[in-house]
């Protein structure tokens, strides 16, 4: 039988070994006094280069490990954002940061030029008031802007070519889009309130299933 003192010493040593073998965690608090624009953070992203990005109620904020830099539209800028309150951010294949503000108008921020742009940057879309619910970048480099009232918009490449899918453009029979998915063959699947549509890499659209057809066949 193990003597009580030796047993107690064994338990004590086990406790200290476990306690000191735990990884040490350090917490650092950052706020406006450190350079952040304000304290309300809606979304956090670490980009492909390791920088941290924060969407705040007063602009897009980058942290390089030492310094916070805030980007937002200033009076007199050539491109106008209606709101600097940003609710969501994500990164595309090309390293651009996409911001979805409170008003639903999506914007692309290029970290290389430190400039924002959006659909209204293009002359042919300067009056196109598109409100998105989601921004979905996919592996091919396309970025899909999803709406529950206006269909969806595909930014097809890094130079901001645009393709619109909705009833008005007669390529899908729905204006309410729930989500999109790009498969391993680079086909895109668009899920709507009126069925499922597929888009080939070349841009051909086909109706896989529609709610109207389902009701007609009952």
N, C-alpha and C. Protein backbone atom coordinates (compact mmCIF):
# COMPACT_ATOMS: atom_id res chain seq x y z
N UNK A 1 0.84 -1.20 0.00
CA UNK A 1 0.00 0.00 0.00
C UNK A 1 0.88 1.26 0.00
N UNK A 2 0.54 2.24 -0.84
CA UNK A 2 1.34 3.46 -0.94
C UNK A 2 1.10 4.33 0.29
N UNK A 3 2.20 4.74 0.97
CA UNK A 3 2.04 5.62 2.13
C UNK A 3 1.30 6.89 1.75
N UNK A 4 0.53 7.42 2.70
CA UNK A 4 -0.31 8.58 2.43
C UNK A 4 0.50 9.79 1.99
N UNK A 5 1.69 10.02 2.59
CA UNK A 5 2.50 11.19 2.25
C UNK A 5 3.01 11.10 0.81
N UNK A 6 3.43 9.90 0.39
CA UNK A 6 3.93 9.72 -0.97
C UNK A 6 2.79 9.92 -1.97
N UNK A 7 1.62 9.40 -1.64
CA UNK A 7 0.45 9.55 -2.52
C UNK A 7 0.09 11.03 -2.67
N UNK A 8 0.11 11.77 -1.56
CA UNK A 8 -0.21 13.19 -1.60
C UNK A 8 0.82 13.95 -2.44
N UNK A 9 2.12 13.59 -2.29
CA UNK A 9 3.17 14.25 -3.06
C UNK A 9 3.01 13.98 -4.55
N UNK A 10 2.60 12.75 -4.90
CA UNK A 10 2.38 12.40 -6.30
C UNK A 10 1.25 13.24 -6.91
N UNK A 11 0.16 13.39 -6.17
CA UNK A 11 -0.97 14.20 -6.64
C UNK A 11 -0.54 15.65 -6.82
N UNK A 12 0.24 16.17 -5.88
CA UNK A 12 0.69 17.56 -5.94
C UNK A 12 1.59 17.80 -7.14
N UNK A 13 2.52 16.87 -7.39
CA UNK A 13 3.42 17.00 -8.55
C UNK A 13 2.64 16.94 -9.86
N UNK A 14 1.65 16.05 -9.91
CA UNK A 14 0.82 15.94 -11.11
C UNK A 14 0.09 17.24 -11.40
N UNK A 15 -0.41 17.87 -10.34
CA UNK A 15 -1.13 19.14 -10.49
C UNK A 15 -0.21 20.22 -11.06
N UNK A 16 1.02 20.32 -10.52
CA UNK A 16 1.95 21.35 -10.98
C UNK A 16 2.41 21.10 -12.41
N UNK A 17 2.63 19.84 -12.77
CA UNK A 17 3.04 19.51 -14.14
C UNK A 17 1.96 19.92 -15.13
N UNK A 18 0.70 19.59 -14.82
CA UNK A 18 -0.40 19.95 -15.71
C UNK A 18 -0.60 21.45 -15.78
N UNK A 19 -0.44 22.12 -14.64
CA UNK A 19 -0.65 23.57 -14.61
C UNK A 19 0.39 24.30 -15.45
N UNK A 20 1.66 23.88 -15.32
CA UNK A 20 2.73 24.58 -16.04
C UNK A 20 2.85 24.14 -17.49
N UNK A 21 2.21 23.02 -17.86
CA UNK A 21 2.28 22.57 -19.25
C UNK A 21 1.21 23.22 -20.12
N UNK A 22 0.25 23.93 -19.51
CA UNK A 22 -0.79 24.60 -20.27
C UNK A 22 -0.20 25.77 -21.05
N UNK A 23 -0.63 25.95 -22.32
CA UNK A 23 -0.11 27.09 -23.10
C UNK A 23 -0.54 28.41 -22.48
N UNK A 24 0.35 29.38 -22.54
CA UNK A 24 0.05 30.69 -21.99
C UNK A 24 -0.71 31.52 -23.02
N UNK A 25 -1.78 32.12 -22.59
CA UNK A 25 -2.60 32.95 -23.47
C UNK A 25 -2.52 34.40 -23.01
N UNK A 26 -2.32 35.27 -23.97
CA UNK A 26 -2.23 36.69 -23.67
C UNK A 26 -3.35 37.43 -24.39
N UNK A 27 -3.97 38.34 -23.71
CA UNK A 27 -5.06 39.13 -24.27
C UNK A 27 -4.64 40.59 -24.32
N UNK A 28 -4.87 41.20 -25.46
CA UNK A 28 -4.56 42.61 -25.64
C UNK A 28 -5.83 43.33 -26.07
N UNK A 29 -6.17 44.40 -25.40
CA UNK A 29 -7.36 45.16 -25.74
C UNK A 29 -6.98 46.37 -26.59
N UNK A 30 -7.69 46.53 -27.72
CA UNK A 30 -7.46 47.68 -28.59
C UNK A 30 -8.74 48.50 -28.69
N UNK A 31 -8.59 49.80 -28.76
CA UNK A 31 -9.75 50.68 -28.87
C UNK A 31 -9.40 51.94 -29.62
N UNK A 32 -10.24 52.93 -29.48
CA UNK A 32 -10.03 54.19 -30.21
C UNK A 32 -8.72 54.87 -29.80
N UNK A 33 -8.30 54.64 -28.56
CA UNK A 33 -7.05 55.24 -28.10
C UNK A 33 -5.83 54.65 -28.81
N UNK A 34 -6.03 53.48 -29.47
CA UNK A 34 -4.94 52.83 -30.21
C UNK A 34 -5.01 53.10 -31.71
N UNK A 35 -6.05 53.82 -32.14
CA UNK A 35 -6.16 54.16 -33.55
C UNK A 35 -7.36 53.60 -34.27
N UNK A 36 -8.17 52.79 -33.57
CA UNK A 36 -9.39 52.30 -34.21
C UNK A 36 -10.39 53.45 -34.35
N UNK A 37 -11.22 53.44 -35.40
CA UNK A 37 -12.13 54.57 -35.61
C UNK A 37 -13.22 54.67 -34.55
N UNK A 38 -13.67 53.52 -34.04
CA UNK A 38 -14.63 53.48 -32.94
C UNK A 38 -14.76 52.05 -32.44
N UNK A 39 -15.60 51.81 -31.44
CA UNK A 39 -15.55 50.54 -30.72
C UNK A 39 -16.49 49.46 -31.26
N UNK A 40 -17.40 49.80 -32.16
CA UNK A 40 -18.36 48.81 -32.64
C UNK A 40 -17.78 48.07 -33.84
N UNK A 41 -17.48 46.77 -33.65
CA UNK A 41 -16.89 45.93 -34.69
C UNK A 41 -17.96 44.93 -35.14
N UNK A 42 -18.27 44.92 -36.43
CA UNK A 42 -19.32 44.05 -36.95
C UNK A 42 -18.77 42.77 -37.56
N UNK A 43 -17.55 42.81 -38.10
CA UNK A 43 -16.98 41.65 -38.79
C UNK A 43 -15.46 41.74 -38.73
N UNK A 44 -14.80 40.57 -38.65
CA UNK A 44 -13.34 40.51 -38.58
C UNK A 44 -12.83 39.55 -39.64
N UNK A 45 -11.76 39.93 -40.33
CA UNK A 45 -11.20 39.11 -41.40
C UNK A 45 -9.68 39.16 -41.34
N UNK A 46 -9.03 37.99 -41.48
CA UNK A 46 -7.59 37.96 -41.72
C UNK A 46 -7.38 37.63 -43.18
N UNK A 47 -6.72 38.52 -43.93
CA UNK A 47 -6.61 38.33 -45.37
C UNK A 47 -5.47 37.37 -45.72
N UNK A 48 -5.29 37.14 -47.01
CA UNK A 48 -4.30 36.17 -47.49
C UNK A 48 -2.86 36.59 -47.20
N UNK A 49 -2.65 37.86 -46.87
CA UNK A 49 -1.30 38.34 -46.53
C UNK A 49 -1.08 38.43 -45.03
N UNK A 50 -2.10 38.10 -44.26
CA UNK A 50 -1.96 38.09 -42.81
C UNK A 50 -2.46 39.33 -42.11
N UNK A 51 -2.86 40.35 -42.85
CA UNK A 51 -3.38 41.56 -42.23
C UNK A 51 -4.77 41.30 -41.65
N UNK A 52 -5.07 41.99 -40.56
CA UNK A 52 -6.39 41.91 -39.95
C UNK A 52 -7.24 43.09 -40.41
N UNK A 53 -8.50 42.80 -40.75
CA UNK A 53 -9.43 43.82 -41.20
C UNK A 53 -10.66 43.80 -40.31
N UNK A 54 -11.19 44.98 -40.03
CA UNK A 54 -12.36 45.12 -39.17
C UNK A 54 -13.39 46.00 -39.86
N UNK A 55 -14.63 45.54 -39.88
CA UNK A 55 -15.70 46.41 -40.37
C UNK A 55 -16.32 47.10 -39.17
N UNK A 56 -16.36 48.41 -39.21
CA UNK A 56 -16.85 49.19 -38.08
C UNK A 56 -17.99 50.10 -38.52
N UNK A 57 -18.55 50.79 -37.56
CA UNK A 57 -19.61 51.75 -37.86
C UNK A 57 -19.05 53.07 -38.40
N UNK A 58 -17.73 53.13 -38.56
CA UNK A 58 -17.12 54.35 -39.10
C UNK A 58 -15.98 54.00 -40.04
N UNK A 59 -16.22 53.04 -40.94
CA UNK A 59 -15.25 52.73 -41.96
C UNK A 59 -14.61 51.36 -41.85
N UNK A 60 -13.73 51.09 -42.81
CA UNK A 60 -12.98 49.83 -42.90
C UNK A 60 -11.62 50.05 -42.27
N UNK A 61 -11.23 49.15 -41.36
CA UNK A 61 -10.02 49.34 -40.58
C UNK A 61 -9.06 48.17 -40.79
N UNK A 62 -7.77 48.49 -41.03
CA UNK A 62 -6.73 47.47 -41.21
C UNK A 62 -5.73 47.55 -40.06
N UNK A 63 -5.29 46.37 -39.59
CA UNK A 63 -4.28 46.31 -38.53
C UNK A 63 -3.12 45.45 -39.03
N UNK A 64 -1.91 46.02 -39.04
CA UNK A 64 -0.73 45.30 -39.53
C UNK A 64 0.09 44.68 -38.40
N UNK A 65 -0.47 44.67 -37.21
CA UNK A 65 0.25 44.16 -36.04
C UNK A 65 0.83 45.27 -35.19
N UNK A 66 0.90 46.47 -35.77
CA UNK A 66 1.46 47.62 -35.06
C UNK A 66 0.53 48.83 -35.12
N UNK A 67 -0.05 49.06 -36.30
CA UNK A 67 -0.79 50.29 -36.53
C UNK A 67 -2.15 50.01 -37.14
N UNK A 68 -3.16 50.77 -36.71
CA UNK A 68 -4.48 50.73 -37.31
C UNK A 68 -4.59 51.82 -38.37
N UNK A 69 -5.14 51.46 -39.53
CA UNK A 69 -5.40 52.43 -40.59
C UNK A 69 -6.86 52.31 -41.00
N UNK A 70 -7.56 53.43 -41.03
CA UNK A 70 -8.98 53.42 -41.37
C UNK A 70 -9.19 53.99 -42.76
N UNK A 71 -10.04 53.29 -43.52
CA UNK A 71 -10.37 53.72 -44.88
C UNK A 71 -11.87 53.99 -44.94
N UNK A 72 -12.23 55.15 -45.41
CA UNK A 72 -13.63 55.48 -45.60
C UNK A 72 -13.73 56.61 -46.62
N UNK A 73 -14.92 56.79 -47.13
CA UNK A 73 -15.14 57.83 -48.12
C UNK A 73 -15.13 59.19 -47.44
N UNK A 74 -14.34 60.08 -48.00
CA UNK A 74 -14.26 61.44 -47.48
C UNK A 74 -14.97 62.39 -48.45
N UNK A 75 -15.37 63.52 -47.94
CA UNK A 75 -16.02 64.52 -48.78
C UNK A 75 -15.06 64.95 -49.90
N UNK A 76 -15.56 64.94 -51.12
CA UNK A 76 -14.74 65.31 -52.26
C UNK A 76 -14.17 64.13 -53.02
N UNK A 77 -14.31 62.89 -52.48
CA UNK A 77 -13.83 61.71 -53.19
C UNK A 77 -14.66 61.50 -54.46
N UNK A 78 -14.02 60.96 -55.50
CA UNK A 78 -14.71 60.76 -56.77
C UNK A 78 -15.79 59.69 -56.66
N UNK A 79 -15.58 58.70 -55.79
CA UNK A 79 -16.59 57.65 -55.59
C UNK A 79 -17.29 57.90 -54.27
N UNK A 80 -18.60 57.84 -54.29
CA UNK A 80 -19.38 58.19 -53.11
C UNK A 80 -20.05 56.95 -52.52
N UNK A 81 -19.75 56.67 -51.26
CA UNK A 81 -20.48 55.66 -50.49
C UNK A 81 -21.50 56.37 -49.63
N UNK A 82 -22.71 55.84 -49.62
CA UNK A 82 -23.77 56.49 -48.85
C UNK A 82 -23.58 56.29 -47.35
N UNK A 83 -22.87 55.21 -46.97
CA UNK A 83 -22.71 54.92 -45.55
C UNK A 83 -21.32 54.35 -45.28
N UNK A 84 -20.68 54.83 -44.22
CA UNK A 84 -19.41 54.27 -43.76
C UNK A 84 -19.61 53.22 -42.67
N UNK A 85 -20.87 52.92 -42.36
CA UNK A 85 -21.16 51.85 -41.40
C UNK A 85 -21.13 50.52 -42.14
N UNK A 86 -20.09 49.73 -41.92
CA UNK A 86 -19.88 48.49 -42.66
C UNK A 86 -20.21 47.30 -41.77
N UNK A 87 -21.11 46.44 -42.26
CA UNK A 87 -21.59 45.31 -41.46
C UNK A 87 -20.87 44.00 -41.75
N UNK A 88 -20.26 43.86 -42.96
CA UNK A 88 -19.66 42.58 -43.34
C UNK A 88 -18.51 42.82 -44.30
N UNK A 89 -17.44 42.01 -44.17
CA UNK A 89 -16.31 42.09 -45.10
C UNK A 89 -15.86 40.69 -45.49
N UNK A 90 -15.31 40.57 -46.70
CA UNK A 90 -14.76 39.31 -47.17
C UNK A 90 -13.69 39.62 -48.21
N UNK A 91 -12.86 38.64 -48.54
CA UNK A 91 -11.76 38.83 -49.49
C UNK A 91 -11.99 37.98 -50.73
N UNK A 92 -11.68 38.53 -51.91
CA UNK A 92 -11.80 37.74 -53.13
C UNK A 92 -10.45 37.14 -53.52
N UNK A 93 -10.44 36.40 -54.61
CA UNK A 93 -9.24 35.70 -55.08
C UNK A 93 -8.08 36.65 -55.34
N UNK A 94 -8.38 37.88 -55.71
CA UNK A 94 -7.35 38.84 -56.12
C UNK A 94 -6.85 39.70 -54.96
N UNK A 95 -7.32 39.43 -53.75
CA UNK A 95 -6.87 40.18 -52.59
C UNK A 95 -7.66 41.44 -52.31
N UNK A 96 -8.74 41.67 -53.06
CA UNK A 96 -9.60 42.82 -52.79
C UNK A 96 -10.48 42.53 -51.58
N UNK A 97 -10.80 43.55 -50.82
CA UNK A 97 -11.69 43.43 -49.67
C UNK A 97 -13.06 43.97 -50.08
N UNK A 98 -14.07 43.12 -49.95
CA UNK A 98 -15.44 43.53 -50.27
C UNK A 98 -16.15 43.91 -48.99
N UNK A 99 -16.81 45.06 -49.04
CA UNK A 99 -17.50 45.59 -47.87
C UNK A 99 -18.99 45.71 -48.17
N UNK A 100 -19.80 45.24 -47.24
CA UNK A 100 -21.25 45.38 -47.36
C UNK A 100 -21.74 46.27 -46.23
N UNK A 101 -22.05 47.52 -46.55
CA UNK A 101 -22.47 48.47 -45.51
C UNK A 101 -23.92 48.24 -45.07
N UNK A 102 -24.31 49.07 -44.13
CA UNK A 102 -25.64 49.02 -43.53
C UNK A 102 -26.73 49.21 -44.58
N UNK A 103 -26.47 50.03 -45.60
CA UNK A 103 -27.50 50.32 -46.60
C UNK A 103 -27.61 49.25 -47.68
N UNK A 104 -26.72 48.24 -47.67
CA UNK A 104 -26.82 47.13 -48.60
C UNK A 104 -26.10 47.31 -49.92
N UNK A 105 -25.48 48.47 -50.15
CA UNK A 105 -24.77 48.68 -51.42
C UNK A 105 -23.33 48.16 -51.30
N UNK A 106 -22.97 47.10 -52.04
CA UNK A 106 -21.63 46.51 -51.89
C UNK A 106 -20.54 47.36 -52.55
N UNK A 107 -19.35 47.34 -51.94
CA UNK A 107 -18.21 48.09 -52.45
C UNK A 107 -16.96 47.21 -52.42
N UNK A 108 -16.08 47.42 -53.38
CA UNK A 108 -14.81 46.71 -53.41
C UNK A 108 -13.69 47.67 -53.05
N UNK A 109 -12.84 47.25 -52.10
CA UNK A 109 -11.69 48.06 -51.70
C UNK A 109 -10.42 47.37 -52.18
N UNK A 110 -9.60 48.09 -52.93
CA UNK A 110 -8.34 47.57 -53.43
C UNK A 110 -7.21 48.02 -52.49
N UNK A 111 -6.60 47.11 -51.72
CA UNK A 111 -5.54 47.51 -50.79
C UNK A 111 -4.31 48.09 -51.48
N UNK A 112 -4.12 47.79 -52.77
CA UNK A 112 -2.96 48.29 -53.49
C UNK A 112 -3.11 49.78 -53.82
N UNK A 113 -4.31 50.16 -54.25
CA UNK A 113 -4.55 51.56 -54.60
C UNK A 113 -5.21 52.33 -53.46
N UNK A 114 -5.72 51.58 -52.46
CA UNK A 114 -6.45 52.15 -51.33
C UNK A 114 -7.67 52.95 -51.80
N UNK A 115 -8.37 52.38 -52.80
CA UNK A 115 -9.55 53.03 -53.36
C UNK A 115 -10.75 52.09 -53.30
N UNK A 116 -11.92 52.69 -53.08
CA UNK A 116 -13.18 51.97 -53.16
C UNK A 116 -13.76 52.11 -54.56
N UNK A 117 -14.53 51.09 -54.97
CA UNK A 117 -15.35 51.21 -56.17
C UNK A 117 -16.55 50.29 -56.01
N UNK A 118 -17.55 50.52 -56.85
CA UNK A 118 -18.76 49.70 -56.82
C UNK A 118 -19.44 49.75 -58.17
N UNK A 119 -20.65 49.24 -58.23
CA UNK A 119 -21.37 49.23 -59.49
C UNK A 119 -21.55 50.63 -60.05
N UNK A 120 -21.78 51.59 -59.17
CA UNK A 120 -22.00 52.97 -59.64
C UNK A 120 -20.73 53.64 -60.14
N UNK A 121 -19.58 52.95 -60.00
CA UNK A 121 -18.34 53.47 -60.58
C UNK A 121 -18.35 53.37 -62.10
N UNK A 122 -19.18 52.45 -62.62
CA UNK A 122 -19.24 52.21 -64.06
C UNK A 122 -20.32 53.09 -64.68
N UNK A 123 -20.01 53.80 -65.76
CA UNK A 123 -20.99 54.72 -66.37
C UNK A 123 -22.32 54.07 -66.69
N UNK A 124 -22.29 52.82 -67.17
CA UNK A 124 -23.54 52.17 -67.55
C UNK A 124 -24.39 51.73 -66.35
N UNK A 125 -23.80 51.78 -65.15
CA UNK A 125 -24.54 51.37 -63.95
C UNK A 125 -24.62 52.49 -62.90
N UNK A 126 -24.34 53.72 -63.29
CA UNK A 126 -24.30 54.79 -62.30
C UNK A 126 -25.67 55.09 -61.69
N UNK A 127 -26.74 54.66 -62.36
CA UNK A 127 -28.09 54.85 -61.81
C UNK A 127 -28.69 53.53 -61.31
N UNK A 128 -27.86 52.49 -61.25
CA UNK A 128 -28.33 51.17 -60.84
C UNK A 128 -28.23 51.07 -59.31
N UNK A 129 -29.36 51.15 -58.65
CA UNK A 129 -29.40 51.19 -57.19
C UNK A 129 -29.60 49.76 -56.66
N UNK A 130 -28.51 49.00 -56.60
CA UNK A 130 -28.58 47.59 -56.23
C UNK A 130 -28.29 47.42 -54.74
N UNK A 131 -29.19 46.70 -54.06
CA UNK A 131 -29.03 46.44 -52.63
C UNK A 131 -28.81 44.95 -52.41
N UNK A 132 -27.71 44.58 -51.79
CA UNK A 132 -27.34 43.18 -51.62
C UNK A 132 -27.59 42.72 -50.18
N UNK A 133 -27.83 41.42 -50.05
CA UNK A 133 -27.92 40.80 -48.73
C UNK A 133 -26.68 39.99 -48.41
N UNK A 134 -25.95 39.56 -49.46
CA UNK A 134 -24.73 38.77 -49.28
C UNK A 134 -23.72 39.13 -50.35
N UNK A 135 -22.44 38.94 -50.01
CA UNK A 135 -21.35 39.01 -50.99
C UNK A 135 -20.61 37.68 -50.91
N UNK A 136 -20.55 36.96 -52.05
CA UNK A 136 -19.98 35.61 -52.04
C UNK A 136 -18.86 35.50 -53.08
N UNK A 137 -17.59 35.56 -52.66
CA UNK A 137 -16.49 35.30 -53.59
C UNK A 137 -16.35 33.79 -53.80
N UNK A 138 -15.97 33.37 -55.02
CA UNK A 138 -15.80 31.95 -55.30
C UNK A 138 -14.40 31.71 -55.86
N UNK A 139 -14.02 30.43 -55.94
CA UNK A 139 -12.64 30.05 -56.25
C UNK A 139 -12.17 30.54 -57.61
N UNK A 140 -13.07 30.65 -58.58
CA UNK A 140 -12.68 31.08 -59.93
C UNK A 140 -12.27 32.55 -59.98
N UNK A 141 -12.58 33.30 -58.94
CA UNK A 141 -12.29 34.73 -58.91
C UNK A 141 -13.53 35.59 -59.07
N UNK A 142 -14.64 34.97 -59.43
CA UNK A 142 -15.89 35.72 -59.53
C UNK A 142 -16.38 36.12 -58.14
N UNK A 143 -17.13 37.21 -58.10
CA UNK A 143 -17.77 37.63 -56.85
C UNK A 143 -19.25 37.82 -57.14
N UNK A 144 -20.08 37.16 -56.34
CA UNK A 144 -21.53 37.22 -56.52
C UNK A 144 -22.14 38.13 -55.47
N UNK A 145 -22.96 39.06 -55.94
CA UNK A 145 -23.70 39.96 -55.07
C UNK A 145 -25.15 39.51 -55.08
N UNK A 146 -25.64 39.11 -53.93
CA UNK A 146 -26.94 38.45 -53.82
C UNK A 146 -27.98 39.43 -53.29
N UNK A 147 -29.16 39.43 -53.93
CA UNK A 147 -30.25 40.30 -53.49
C UNK A 147 -31.52 39.49 -53.29
N UNK A 148 -32.37 39.94 -52.39
CA UNK A 148 -33.66 39.26 -52.21
C UNK A 148 -34.78 39.96 -52.97
N UNK A 149 -34.42 40.98 -53.79
CA UNK A 149 -35.43 41.70 -54.56
C UNK A 149 -35.02 41.98 -56.00
N UNK A 150 -33.71 41.91 -56.29
CA UNK A 150 -33.22 42.35 -57.60
C UNK A 150 -32.38 41.30 -58.31
N UNK A 151 -32.50 40.03 -57.90
CA UNK A 151 -31.71 38.98 -58.53
C UNK A 151 -30.31 38.94 -57.97
N UNK A 152 -29.32 38.72 -58.83
CA UNK A 152 -27.93 38.70 -58.38
C UNK A 152 -27.03 39.28 -59.46
N UNK A 153 -25.90 39.79 -59.02
CA UNK A 153 -24.92 40.39 -59.91
C UNK A 153 -23.62 39.61 -59.77
N UNK A 154 -23.01 39.28 -60.90
CA UNK A 154 -21.72 38.60 -60.89
C UNK A 154 -20.64 39.55 -61.40
N UNK A 155 -19.63 39.79 -60.56
CA UNK A 155 -18.43 40.50 -60.99
C UNK A 155 -17.51 39.41 -61.52
N UNK A 156 -17.32 39.35 -62.82
CA UNK A 156 -16.75 38.16 -63.43
C UNK A 156 -15.23 38.08 -63.37
N UNK A 157 -14.55 39.21 -63.10
CA UNK A 157 -13.09 39.20 -63.13
C UNK A 157 -12.52 40.34 -62.31
N UNK A 158 -11.20 40.49 -62.34
CA UNK A 158 -10.54 41.51 -61.52
C UNK A 158 -10.74 42.92 -62.04
N UNK A 159 -11.17 43.07 -63.31
CA UNK A 159 -11.35 44.41 -63.86
C UNK A 159 -12.80 44.88 -63.81
N UNK A 160 -13.61 44.17 -63.05
CA UNK A 160 -14.97 44.59 -62.71
C UNK A 160 -15.94 44.53 -63.89
N UNK A 161 -15.83 43.48 -64.69
CA UNK A 161 -16.89 43.22 -65.67
C UNK A 161 -18.11 42.67 -64.94
N UNK A 162 -19.29 43.03 -65.42
CA UNK A 162 -20.53 42.77 -64.68
C UNK A 162 -21.51 41.96 -65.52
N UNK A 163 -22.17 41.00 -64.87
CA UNK A 163 -23.27 40.26 -65.48
C UNK A 163 -24.40 40.20 -64.47
N UNK A 164 -25.62 40.58 -64.91
CA UNK A 164 -26.77 40.63 -64.01
C UNK A 164 -27.73 39.49 -64.35
N UNK A 165 -28.22 38.82 -63.31
CA UNK A 165 -29.17 37.72 -63.47
C UNK A 165 -30.45 38.07 -62.71
N UNK A 166 -31.53 38.29 -63.45
CA UNK A 166 -32.83 38.54 -62.84
C UNK A 166 -33.92 38.45 -63.90
N UNK A 167 -35.16 38.70 -63.49
CA UNK A 167 -36.28 38.60 -64.42
C UNK A 167 -36.15 39.63 -65.53
N UNK A 168 -35.72 40.83 -65.18
CA UNK A 168 -35.60 41.89 -66.17
C UNK A 168 -34.63 41.55 -67.29
N UNK A 169 -33.58 40.81 -66.98
CA UNK A 169 -32.60 40.42 -67.99
C UNK A 169 -32.96 39.09 -68.67
N UNK A 170 -34.06 38.47 -68.22
CA UNK A 170 -34.63 37.28 -68.85
C UNK A 170 -33.67 36.08 -68.90
N UNK A 171 -32.74 36.02 -67.92
CA UNK A 171 -31.87 34.84 -67.88
C UNK A 171 -32.22 33.90 -66.73
N UNK A 172 -32.86 34.43 -65.68
CA UNK A 172 -33.48 33.59 -64.66
C UNK A 172 -34.86 34.17 -64.35
N UNK A 173 -35.77 33.33 -63.94
CA UNK A 173 -37.14 33.77 -63.68
C UNK A 173 -37.36 33.98 -62.18
N UNK A 174 -36.51 34.79 -61.59
CA UNK A 174 -36.62 35.08 -60.17
C UNK A 174 -35.84 36.35 -59.85
N UNK A 175 -36.33 37.10 -58.88
CA UNK A 175 -35.60 38.26 -58.37
C UNK A 175 -35.14 38.06 -56.93
N UNK A 176 -35.62 37.00 -56.30
CA UNK A 176 -35.20 36.70 -54.93
C UNK A 176 -34.22 35.54 -54.97
N UNK A 177 -32.96 35.82 -54.65
CA UNK A 177 -31.91 34.81 -54.68
C UNK A 177 -31.47 34.54 -53.24
N UNK A 178 -31.37 33.25 -52.92
CA UNK A 178 -30.96 32.86 -51.56
C UNK A 178 -29.44 32.72 -51.44
N UNK A 179 -28.83 32.03 -52.40
CA UNK A 179 -27.38 31.84 -52.35
C UNK A 179 -26.89 31.33 -53.69
N UNK A 180 -25.57 31.28 -53.86
CA UNK A 180 -24.96 30.67 -55.04
C UNK A 180 -23.84 29.74 -54.58
N UNK A 181 -23.53 28.76 -55.43
CA UNK A 181 -22.44 27.82 -55.13
C UNK A 181 -21.70 27.51 -56.42
N UNK A 182 -20.37 27.53 -56.36
CA UNK A 182 -19.56 27.16 -57.52
C UNK A 182 -18.97 25.78 -57.27
N UNK A 183 -19.19 24.84 -58.21
CA UNK A 183 -18.70 23.47 -58.02
C UNK A 183 -17.28 23.32 -58.56
N UNK A 184 -16.74 22.10 -58.47
CA UNK A 184 -15.35 21.86 -58.86
C UNK A 184 -15.11 22.03 -60.35
N UNK A 185 -16.17 22.00 -61.15
CA UNK A 185 -16.06 22.23 -62.59
C UNK A 185 -16.30 23.69 -62.97
N UNK A 186 -16.40 24.54 -61.96
CA UNK A 186 -16.60 25.98 -62.11
C UNK A 186 -17.98 26.34 -62.65
N UNK A 187 -18.92 25.39 -62.56
CA UNK A 187 -20.32 25.73 -62.82
C UNK A 187 -20.88 26.41 -61.58
N UNK A 188 -21.74 27.39 -61.80
CA UNK A 188 -22.36 28.10 -60.68
C UNK A 188 -23.82 27.70 -60.57
N UNK A 189 -24.27 27.47 -59.34
CA UNK A 189 -25.65 27.09 -59.07
C UNK A 189 -26.31 28.22 -58.29
N UNK A 190 -27.42 28.72 -58.84
CA UNK A 190 -28.14 29.85 -58.25
C UNK A 190 -29.45 29.34 -57.66
N UNK A 191 -29.59 29.44 -56.36
CA UNK A 191 -30.81 29.00 -55.68
C UNK A 191 -31.72 30.19 -55.46
N UNK A 192 -32.95 30.11 -55.98
CA UNK A 192 -33.89 31.23 -55.90
C UNK A 192 -35.21 30.76 -55.30
N UNK A 193 -36.14 31.70 -55.15
CA UNK A 193 -37.48 31.33 -54.67
C UNK A 193 -38.33 30.73 -55.80
N UNK A 194 -37.76 30.66 -57.00
CA UNK A 194 -38.47 30.05 -58.12
C UNK A 194 -37.58 29.01 -58.79
N UNK A 195 -36.90 28.22 -57.98
CA UNK A 195 -36.14 27.11 -58.52
C UNK A 195 -34.64 27.29 -58.49
N UNK A 196 -33.97 26.36 -59.17
CA UNK A 196 -32.51 26.28 -59.20
C UNK A 196 -32.02 26.47 -60.63
N UNK A 197 -31.00 27.30 -60.80
CA UNK A 197 -30.44 27.58 -62.12
C UNK A 197 -28.94 27.27 -62.09
N UNK A 198 -28.43 26.84 -63.25
CA UNK A 198 -27.00 26.60 -63.37
C UNK A 198 -26.42 27.52 -64.44
N UNK A 199 -25.18 27.96 -64.19
CA UNK A 199 -24.47 28.83 -65.13
C UNK A 199 -23.12 28.18 -65.42
N UNK A 200 -22.85 27.89 -66.68
CA UNK A 200 -21.57 27.29 -67.05
C UNK A 200 -20.46 28.33 -66.98
N UNK A 201 -19.19 27.89 -66.99
CA UNK A 201 -18.08 28.87 -67.00
C UNK A 201 -18.14 29.82 -68.19
N UNK A 202 -18.77 29.37 -69.29
CA UNK A 202 -18.90 30.23 -70.48
C UNK A 202 -20.10 31.17 -70.38
N UNK A 203 -20.95 30.97 -69.37
CA UNK A 203 -22.07 31.89 -69.16
C UNK A 203 -23.42 31.39 -69.59
N UNK A 204 -23.51 30.15 -70.10
CA UNK A 204 -24.81 29.61 -70.52
C UNK A 204 -25.65 29.27 -69.29
N UNK A 205 -26.91 29.70 -69.30
CA UNK A 205 -27.81 29.51 -68.16
C UNK A 205 -28.85 28.45 -68.50
N UNK A 206 -29.10 27.56 -67.55
CA UNK A 206 -30.18 26.58 -67.73
C UNK A 206 -30.97 26.47 -66.43
N UNK A 207 -32.27 26.21 -66.60
CA UNK A 207 -33.17 26.06 -65.47
C UNK A 207 -33.21 24.58 -65.07
N UNK A 208 -32.64 24.27 -63.92
CA UNK A 208 -32.59 22.88 -63.46
C UNK A 208 -33.93 22.47 -62.88
N UNK A 209 -34.53 23.38 -62.13
CA UNK A 209 -35.82 23.11 -61.49
C UNK A 209 -36.49 24.43 -61.18
N UNK A 210 -37.78 24.53 -61.44
CA UNK A 210 -38.49 25.75 -61.10
C UNK A 210 -39.75 25.43 -60.33
N UNK A 211 -40.14 26.33 -59.46
CA UNK A 211 -41.33 26.16 -58.65
C UNK A 211 -42.57 26.15 -59.53
N UNK A 212 -42.57 26.97 -60.57
CA UNK A 212 -43.73 27.02 -61.47
C UNK A 212 -43.94 25.69 -62.17
N UNK A 213 -42.84 25.06 -62.63
CA UNK A 213 -42.95 23.76 -63.28
C UNK A 213 -43.44 22.70 -62.32
N UNK A 214 -42.96 22.78 -61.06
CA UNK A 214 -43.38 21.81 -60.05
C UNK A 214 -44.87 21.90 -59.80
N UNK A 215 -45.39 23.12 -59.69
CA UNK A 215 -46.83 23.30 -59.46
C UNK A 215 -47.64 22.85 -60.67
N UNK A 216 -47.09 23.07 -61.88
CA UNK A 216 -47.80 22.71 -63.10
C UNK A 216 -47.93 21.19 -63.24
N UNK A 217 -46.91 20.46 -62.74
CA UNK A 217 -46.90 19.01 -62.89
C UNK A 217 -47.69 18.28 -61.81
N UNK A 218 -48.19 19.00 -60.82
CA UNK A 218 -48.95 18.35 -59.75
C UNK A 218 -50.35 17.95 -60.22
